[in-house]
Amino acid sequence: MSLTRNENKRLPFLKCTEHFMPMGNGNICGTGYTFTHTVSDGLRAGGLWLVMQDDSGQAATNDGDIIMFAAIEDVDWLSESQIKLKLTIEHWGRVTSPETKHQKLEGQLYPLWQNSYLPMDDILVVRLIECTHQFHPAERHYPNRLAHEPAFSVAHVAGSDHQLNTNWVCWRWLEILPITLDKKQRLLKSPDARLCIRYLKRIIRQSDRFN
């Protein structure tokens, strides 16, 4: 599906407690008529919106909230008891109308943060690689893949052998850390990654002091 800047799209949507971010992949499972209908509509539309939801059921569906556009890479309808979706998160957008009709939500494509790069010895990069090695040992020899294999080529993630894309690093941390929905939305609505970087570094340094 081709999206252009500031284009409005009314698309099927799924609410997710796992908050997938751009330049990443995700897997979602579900059952029932509504889920099946949403997946079918998403296939016809070329993708769907992912709406962040917290464990209490609060969802980011207010006007201006950030939502993710996901392309459906594969659907496994039959091999298990649940339908399994393989998604690539390609863009993000803003909710332009909080009213949902026929299980569809209206959103406008919103520009991603401008690319910048972090050195491999930056605390966010170092701790992210350590986290990945601890919980995903198979990724040990692929530090540019980390917890989620990027949807884009490594060239989009690495500036050189000694740098990683700042946005990609921030988004992977936002997927991992138990940050409140309101705080996560505030960080994503910032015009660039600087606020997110400062916030994440404060969390990591506080964690280091207590460990």
C-alpha atoms as a PDB file:
ATOM      1  CA  MET A   1       0.000   0.000   0.000  1.00  0.00           C
ATOM      2  CA  SER A   2       1.371   3.409  -0.919  1.00  0.00           C
ATOM      3  CA  LEU A   3       0.787   6.213   1.576  1.00  0.00           C
ATOM      4  CA  THR A   4       1.664   9.848   1.023  1.00  0.00           C
ATOM      5  CA  ARG A   5       2.349  12.507   3.630  1.00  0.00           C
ATOM      6  CA  ASN A   6      -0.799  14.045   5.158  1.00  0.00           C
ATOM      7  CA  GLU A   7      -2.989  11.458   3.420  1.00  0.00           C
ATOM      8  CA  ASN A   8      -6.102  10.474   5.393  1.00  0.00           C
ATOM      9  CA  LYS A   9      -6.938   6.804   5.498  1.00  0.00           C
ATOM     10  CA  ARG A  10      -9.909   5.035   7.058  1.00  0.00           C
ATOM     11  CA  LEU A  11      -8.547   1.572   7.705  1.00  0.00           C
ATOM     12  CA  PRO A  12      -9.366  -1.495   9.782  1.00  0.00           C
ATOM     13  CA  PHE A  13      -7.566  -1.448  13.123  1.00  0.00           C
ATOM     14  CA  LEU A  14      -6.452  -3.707  15.939  1.00  0.00           C
ATOM     15  CA  LYS A  15      -5.885  -2.697  19.558  1.00  0.00           C
ATOM     16  CA  CYS A  16      -2.653  -4.146  20.938  1.00  0.00           C
ATOM     17  CA  THR A  17      -1.132  -4.232  24.420  1.00  0.00           C
ATOM     18  CA  GLU A  18       2.198  -4.990  22.749  1.00  0.00           C
ATOM     19  CA  HIS A  19       3.216  -1.677  21.196  1.00  0.00           C
ATOM     20  CA  PHE A  20       5.009  -2.295  17.909  1.00  0.00           C
ATOM     21  CA  MET A  21       7.032   0.597  16.514  1.00  0.00           C
ATOM     22  CA  PRO A  22       8.262   1.677  13.057  1.00  0.00           C
ATOM     23  CA  MET A  23      11.177  -0.091  11.368  1.00  0.00           C
ATOM     24  CA  GLY A  24      10.190  -3.294  13.125  1.00  0.00           C
ATOM     25  CA  ASN A  25       8.140  -6.443  12.763  1.00  0.00           C
ATOM     26  CA  GLY A  26       5.388  -7.907  14.887  1.00  0.00           C
ATOM     27  CA  ASN A  27       3.237 -10.982  15.260  1.00  0.00           C
ATOM     28  CA  ILE A  28      -0.381 -10.878  16.415  1.00  0.00           C
ATOM     29  CA  CYS A  29      -2.720 -13.805  17.086  1.00  0.00           C
ATOM     30  CA  GLY A  30      -6.469 -13.784  17.445  1.00  0.00           C
ATOM     31  CA  THR A  31      -9.771 -15.584  16.918  1.00  0.00           C
ATOM     32  CA  GLY A  32     -13.406 -14.778  16.374  1.00  0.00           C
ATOM     33  CA  TYR A  33     -15.520 -13.088  13.778  1.00  0.00           C
ATOM     34  CA  THR A  34     -14.357  -9.517  14.454  1.00  0.00           C
ATOM     35  CA  PHE A  35     -10.669 -10.430  14.276  1.00  0.00           C
ATOM     36  CA  THR A  36     -11.170 -12.485  11.108  1.00  0.00           C
ATOM     37  CA  HIS A  37     -13.168  -9.681   9.482  1.00  0.00           C
ATOM     38  CA  THR A  38     -10.513  -7.101  10.425  1.00  0.00           C
ATOM     39  CA  VAL A  39      -7.721  -9.224   8.950  1.00  0.00           C
ATOM     40  CA  SER A  40      -9.683  -9.764   5.732  1.00  0.00           C
ATOM     41  CA  ASP A  41     -10.388  -6.027   5.436  1.00  0.00           C
ATOM     42  CA  GLY A  42      -6.720  -5.285   6.115  1.00  0.00           C
ATOM     43  CA  LEU A  43      -5.637  -7.583   3.328  1.00  0.00           C
ATOM     44  CA  ARG A  44      -8.005  -5.857   0.901  1.00  0.00           C
ATOM     45  CA  ALA A  45      -6.906  -2.377   2.067  1.00  0.00           C
ATOM     46  CA  GLY A  46      -3.185  -3.188   1.938  1.00  0.00           C
ATOM     47  CA  GLY A  47      -2.659  -2.774   5.677  1.00  0.00           C
ATOM     48  CA  LEU A  48      -4.207  -1.703   8.947  1.00  0.00           C
ATOM     49  CA  TRP A  49      -3.756   0.640  11.881  1.00  0.00           C
ATOM     50  CA  LEU A  50      -2.383  -0.639  15.184  1.00  0.00           C
ATOM     51  CA  VAL A  51      -3.789   1.161  18.214  1.00  0.00           C
ATOM     52  CA  MET A  52      -1.862   1.125  21.511  1.00  0.00           C
ATOM     53  CA  GLN A  53      -3.783  -0.188  24.488  1.00  0.00           C
ATOM     54  CA  ASP A  54      -2.664  -0.653  28.085  1.00  0.00           C
ATOM     55  CA  ASP A  55      -3.478  -3.530  30.432  1.00  0.00           C
ATOM     56  CA  SER A  56      -6.429  -1.637  31.917  1.00  0.00           C
ATOM     57  CA  GLY A  57      -8.087  -1.344  28.512  1.00  0.00           C
ATOM     58  CA  GLN A  58      -7.308   2.332  27.901  1.00  0.00           C
ATOM     59  CA  ALA A  59      -6.595   2.853  24.189  1.00  0.00           C
ATOM     60  CA  ALA A  60      -4.901   5.666  22.276  1.00  0.00           C
ATOM     61  CA  THR A  61      -7.879   6.538  20.066  1.00  0.00           C
ATOM     62  CA  ASN A  62      -8.245  10.229  20.914  1.00  0.00           C
ATOM     63  CA  ASP A  63      -7.866  12.900  18.274  1.00  0.00           C
ATOM     64  CA  GLY A  64      -4.133  13.383  17.621  1.00  0.00           C
ATOM     65  CA  ASP A  65      -2.969  10.129  19.235  1.00  0.00           C
ATOM     66  CA  ILE A  66      -0.195   8.259  17.434  1.00  0.00           C
ATOM     67  CA  ILE A  67      -1.148   5.028  15.669  1.00  0.00           C
ATOM     68  CA  MET A  68       0.977   2.655  13.610  1.00  0.00           C
ATOM     69  CA  PHE A  69       0.436   1.603  10.022  1.00  0.00           C
ATOM     70  CA  ALA A  70       1.261  -2.078   9.543  1.00  0.00           C
ATOM     71  CA  ALA A  71       1.504  -3.996   6.287  1.00  0.00           C
ATOM     72  CA  ILE A  72       0.338  -7.608   6.500  1.00  0.00           C
ATOM     73  CA  GLU A  73       3.230  -9.787   5.335  1.00  0.00           C
ATOM     74  CA  ASP A  74       1.620 -13.160   5.971  1.00  0.00           C
ATOM     75  CA  VAL A  75      -1.507 -14.729   7.468  1.00  0.00           C
ATOM     76  CA  ASP A  76      -1.555 -18.253   8.874  1.00  0.00           C
ATOM     77  CA  TRP A  77      -5.225 -19.154   8.927  1.00  0.00           C
ATOM     78  CA  LEU A  78      -5.106 -22.860   9.633  1.00  0.00           C
ATOM     79  CA  SER A  79      -1.972 -24.319  11.221  1.00  0.00           C
ATOM     80  CA  GLU A  80      -2.965 -23.459  14.835  1.00  0.00           C
ATOM     81  CA  SER A  81      -6.104 -22.741  16.817  1.00  0.00           C
ATOM     82  CA  GLN A  82      -5.566 -18.976  16.397  1.00  0.00           C
ATOM     83  CA  ILE A  83      -5.042 -16.892  13.261  1.00  0.00           C
ATOM     84  CA  LYS A  84      -1.461 -15.631  13.172  1.00  0.00           C
ATOM     85  CA  LEU A  85      -0.496 -12.338  11.511  1.00  0.00           C
ATOM     86  CA  LYS A  86       3.036 -11.378  10.509  1.00  0.00           C
ATOM     87  CA  LEU A  87       3.262  -7.580  10.255  1.00  0.00           C
ATOM     88  CA  THR A  88       5.765  -4.969   9.133  1.00  0.00           C
ATOM     89  CA  ILE A  89       5.339  -1.568  10.784  1.00  0.00           C
ATOM     90  CA  GLU A  90       6.063   0.871   7.971  1.00  0.00           C
ATOM     91  CA  HIS A  91       4.685   4.243   9.082  1.00  0.00           C
ATOM     92  CA  TRP A  92       2.881   6.001  11.867  1.00  0.00           C
ATOM     93  CA  GLY A  93      -0.036   8.376  11.784  1.00  0.00           C
ATOM     94  CA  ARG A  94      -2.308  10.536  13.938  1.00  0.00           C
ATOM     95  CA  VAL A  95      -5.922   9.751  14.747  1.00  0.00           C
ATOM     96  CA  THR A  96      -8.000  12.333  12.868  1.00  0.00           C
ATOM     97  CA  SER A  97     -11.407  11.171  14.051  1.00  0.00           C
ATOM     98  CA  PRO A  98     -11.919   9.257  17.300  1.00  0.00           C
ATOM     99  CA  GLU A  99     -15.187   7.860  15.987  1.00  0.00           C
ATOM    100  CA  THR A 100     -14.895   4.316  14.657  1.00  0.00           C
ATOM    101  CA  LYS A 101     -17.301   2.952  12.069  1.00  0.00           C
ATOM    102  CA  HIS A 102     -17.518  -0.640  10.869  1.00  0.00           C
ATOM    103  CA  GLN A 103     -14.323  -1.503  12.775  1.00  0.00           C
ATOM    104  CA  LYS A 104     -12.368   1.178  10.876  1.00  0.00           C
ATOM    105  CA  LEU A 105     -10.426   4.170  12.166  1.00  0.00           C
ATOM    106  CA  GLU A 106      -9.461   7.370  10.366  1.00  0.00           C
ATOM    107  CA  GLY A 107      -5.827   8.435  10.579  1.00  0.00           C
ATOM    108  CA  GLN A 108      -3.432  10.739   8.773  1.00  0.00           C
ATOM    109  CA  LEU A 109       0.097   9.744   7.854  1.00  0.00           C
ATOM    110  CA  TYR A 110       2.546  11.565  10.113  1.00  0.00           C
ATOM    111  CA  PRO A 111       6.245  12.058   9.195  1.00  0.00           C
ATOM    112  CA  LEU A 112       8.710   9.842  11.036  1.00  0.00           C
ATOM    113  CA  TRP A 113      11.510  11.491  12.972  1.00  0.00           C
ATOM    114  CA  GLN A 114      14.396  12.654  10.813  1.00  0.00           C
ATOM    115  CA  ASN A 115      17.214  10.099  10.731  1.00  0.00           C
ATOM    116  CA  SER A 116      20.241  10.529  12.970  1.00  0.00           C
ATOM    117  CA  TYR A 117      22.769   8.052  14.340  1.00  0.00           C
ATOM    118  CA  LEU A 118      24.144   6.938  17.702  1.00  0.00           C
ATOM    119  CA  PRO A 119      27.671   5.570  18.203  1.00  0.00           C
ATOM    120  CA  MET A 120      27.907   1.929  19.234  1.00  0.00           C
ATOM    121  CA  ASP A 121      29.310   2.945  22.633  1.00  0.00           C
ATOM    122  CA  ASP A 122      26.267   5.098  23.465  1.00  0.00           C
ATOM    123  CA  ILE A 123      24.568   3.819  26.612  1.00  0.00           C
ATOM    124  CA  LEU A 124      21.270   3.172  24.801  1.00  0.00           C
ATOM    125  CA  VAL A 125      22.982   1.034  22.164  1.00  0.00           C
ATOM    126  CA  VAL A 126      25.200  -0.823  24.661  1.00  0.00           C
ATOM    127  CA  ARG A 127      22.332  -1.685  27.001  1.00  0.00           C
ATOM    128  CA  LEU A 128      20.044  -2.657  24.134  1.00  0.00           C
ATOM    129  CA  ILE A 129      22.619  -5.117  22.783  1.00  0.00           C
ATOM    130  CA  GLU A 130      23.153  -6.514  26.292  1.00  0.00           C
ATOM    131  CA  CYS A 131      19.409  -6.950  26.714  1.00  0.00           C
ATOM    132  CA  THR A 132      19.165  -8.714  23.379  1.00  0.00           C
ATOM    133  CA  HIS A 133      22.024 -11.069  24.169  1.00  0.00           C
ATOM    134  CA  GLN A 134      20.372 -11.954  27.467  1.00  0.00           C
ATOM    135  CA  PHE A 135      16.903 -12.672  26.139  1.00  0.00           C
ATOM    136  CA  HIS A 136      17.619 -13.472  22.460  1.00  0.00           C
ATOM    137  CA  PRO A 137      20.912 -15.423  22.390  1.00  0.00           C
ATOM    138  CA  ALA A 138      20.348 -16.406  18.749  1.00  0.00           C
ATOM    139  CA  GLU A 139      20.805 -12.720  17.845  1.00  0.00           C
ATOM    140  CA  ARG A 140      24.239 -12.525  19.510  1.00  0.00           C
ATOM    141  CA  HIS A 141      26.103 -12.370  16.213  1.00  0.00           C
ATOM    142  CA  TYR A 142      23.638  -9.916  14.630  1.00  0.00           C
ATOM    143  CA  PRO A 143      23.698  -6.742  16.777  1.00  0.00           C
ATOM    144  CA  ASN A 144      21.960  -4.722  14.050  1.00  0.00           C
ATOM    145  CA  ARG A 145      18.920  -6.994  14.305  1.00  0.00           C
ATOM    146  CA  LEU A 146      18.587  -6.991  18.108  1.00  0.00           C
ATOM    147  CA  ALA A 147      15.179  -7.847  19.562  1.00  0.00           C
ATOM    148  CA  HIS A 148      13.269  -7.374  16.299  1.00  0.00           C
ATOM    149  CA  GLU A 149      14.645  -8.011  12.847  1.00  0.00           C
ATOM    150  CA  PRO A 150      14.259  -4.649  11.076  1.00  0.00           C
ATOM    151  CA  ALA A 151      11.669  -4.412   8.360  1.00  0.00           C
ATOM    152  CA  PHE A 152      14.179  -2.328   6.406  1.00  0.00           C
ATOM    153  CA  SER A 153      17.621  -3.295   5.200  1.00  0.00           C
ATOM    154  CA  VAL A 154      20.548  -2.942   7.582  1.00  0.00           C
ATOM    155  CA  ALA A 155      21.617   0.112   5.578  1.00  0.00           C
ATOM    156  CA  HIS A 156      18.598   1.925   7.016  1.00  0.00           C
ATOM    157  CA  VAL A 157      19.586   0.952  10.564  1.00  0.00           C
ATOM    158  CA  ALA A 158      23.358   1.327  10.560  1.00  0.00           C
ATOM    159  CA  GLY A 159      25.073   4.563   9.550  1.00  0.00           C
ATOM    160  CA  SER A 160      28.360   2.644   9.463  1.00  0.00           C
ATOM    161  CA  ASP A 161      29.952  -0.254  11.326  1.00  0.00           C
ATOM    162  CA  HIS A 162      30.090   2.029  14.374  1.00  0.00           C
ATOM    163  CA  GLN A 163      26.626   3.649  14.383  1.00  0.00           C
ATOM    164  CA  LEU A 164      22.962   2.700  14.617  1.00  0.00           C
ATOM    165  CA  ASN A 165      19.896   4.665  13.595  1.00  0.00           C
ATOM    166  CA  THR A 166      18.796   6.737  16.616  1.00  0.00           C
ATOM    167  CA  ASN A 167      15.101   6.381  15.839  1.00  0.00           C
ATOM    168  CA  TRP A 168      15.356   2.617  15.502  1.00  0.00           C
ATOM    169  CA  VAL A 169      17.136   2.333  18.856  1.00  0.00           C
ATOM    170  CA  CYS A 170      14.524   4.534  20.566  1.00  0.00           C
ATOM    171  CA  TRP A 171      11.619   2.593  19.078  1.00  0.00           C
ATOM    172  CA  ARG A 172      13.070  -0.737  20.159  1.00  0.00           C
ATOM    173  CA  TRP A 173      13.384   0.577  23.740  1.00  0.00           C
ATOM    174  CA  LEU A 174       9.797   1.855  23.632  1.00  0.00           C
ATOM    175  CA  GLU A 175       8.724  -1.660  22.675  1.00  0.00           C
ATOM    176  CA  ILE A 176      10.681  -3.217  25.543  1.00  0.00           C
ATOM    177  CA  LEU A 177      10.246  -0.895  28.531  1.00  0.00           C
ATOM    178  CA  PRO A 178       7.032  -0.825  30.616  1.00  0.00           C
ATOM    179  CA  ILE A 179       6.392   2.866  29.975  1.00  0.00           C
ATOM    180  CA  THR A 180       2.854   4.120  30.587  1.00  0.00           C
ATOM    181  CA  LEU A 181       0.642   4.647  27.572  1.00  0.00           C
ATOM    182  CA  ASP A 182       0.288   8.387  28.210  1.00  0.00           C
ATOM    183  CA  LYS A 183       4.054   8.856  28.557  1.00  0.00           C
ATOM    184  CA  LYS A 184       4.741   6.809  25.430  1.00  0.00           C
ATOM    185  CA  GLN A 185       2.273   8.884  23.443  1.00  0.00           C
ATOM    186  CA  ARG A 186       3.866  12.095  24.685  1.00  0.00           C
ATOM    187  CA  LEU A 187       7.316  10.918  23.594  1.00  0.00           C
ATOM    188  CA  LEU A 188       6.074   9.855  20.153  1.00  0.00           C
ATOM    189  CA  LYS A 189       4.291  13.168  19.586  1.00  0.00           C
ATOM    190  CA  SER A 190       7.559  15.049  20.051  1.00  0.00           C
ATOM    191  CA  PRO A 191       8.836  16.539  16.747  1.00  0.00           C
ATOM    192  CA  ASP A 192      12.106  14.589  16.946  1.00  0.00           C
ATOM    193  CA  ALA A 193      13.844  11.871  18.974  1.00  0.00           C
ATOM    194  CA  ARG A 194      15.676  14.175  21.405  1.00  0.00           C
ATOM    195  CA  LEU A 195      13.054  14.078  24.176  1.00  0.00           C
ATOM    196  CA  CYS A 196      12.843  10.301  23.865  1.00  0.00           C
ATOM    197  CA  ILE A 197      16.635   9.941  24.049  1.00  0.00           C
ATOM    198  CA  ARG A 198      16.835  12.038  27.235  1.00  0.00           C
ATOM    199  CA  TYR A 199      14.003  10.126  28.870  1.00  0.00           C
ATOM    200  CA  LEU A 200      15.391   6.698  27.973  1.00  0.00           C
ATOM    201  CA  LYS A 201      18.891   7.557  29.155  1.00  0.00           C
ATOM    202  CA  ARG A 202      17.510   8.746  32.487  1.00  0.00           C
ATOM    203  CA  ILE A 203      15.691   5.420  32.934  1.00  0.00           C
ATOM    204  CA  ILE A 204      18.758   3.357  32.002  1.00  0.00           C
ATOM    205  CA  ARG A 205      21.084   5.331  34.288  1.00  0.00           C
ATOM    206  CA  GLN A 206      18.658   5.065  37.194  1.00  0.00           C
ATOM    207  CA  SER A 207      18.451   1.320  36.586  1.00  0.00           C
ATOM    208  CA  ASP A 208      22.255   1.073  36.548  1.00  0.00           C
ATOM    209  CA  ARG A 209      22.447   2.806  39.928  1.00  0.00           C
ATOM    210  CA  PHE A 210      20.068   0.307  41.521  1.00  0.00           C
ATOM    211  CA  ASN A 211      21.745  -2.788  40.026  1.00  0.00           C
END
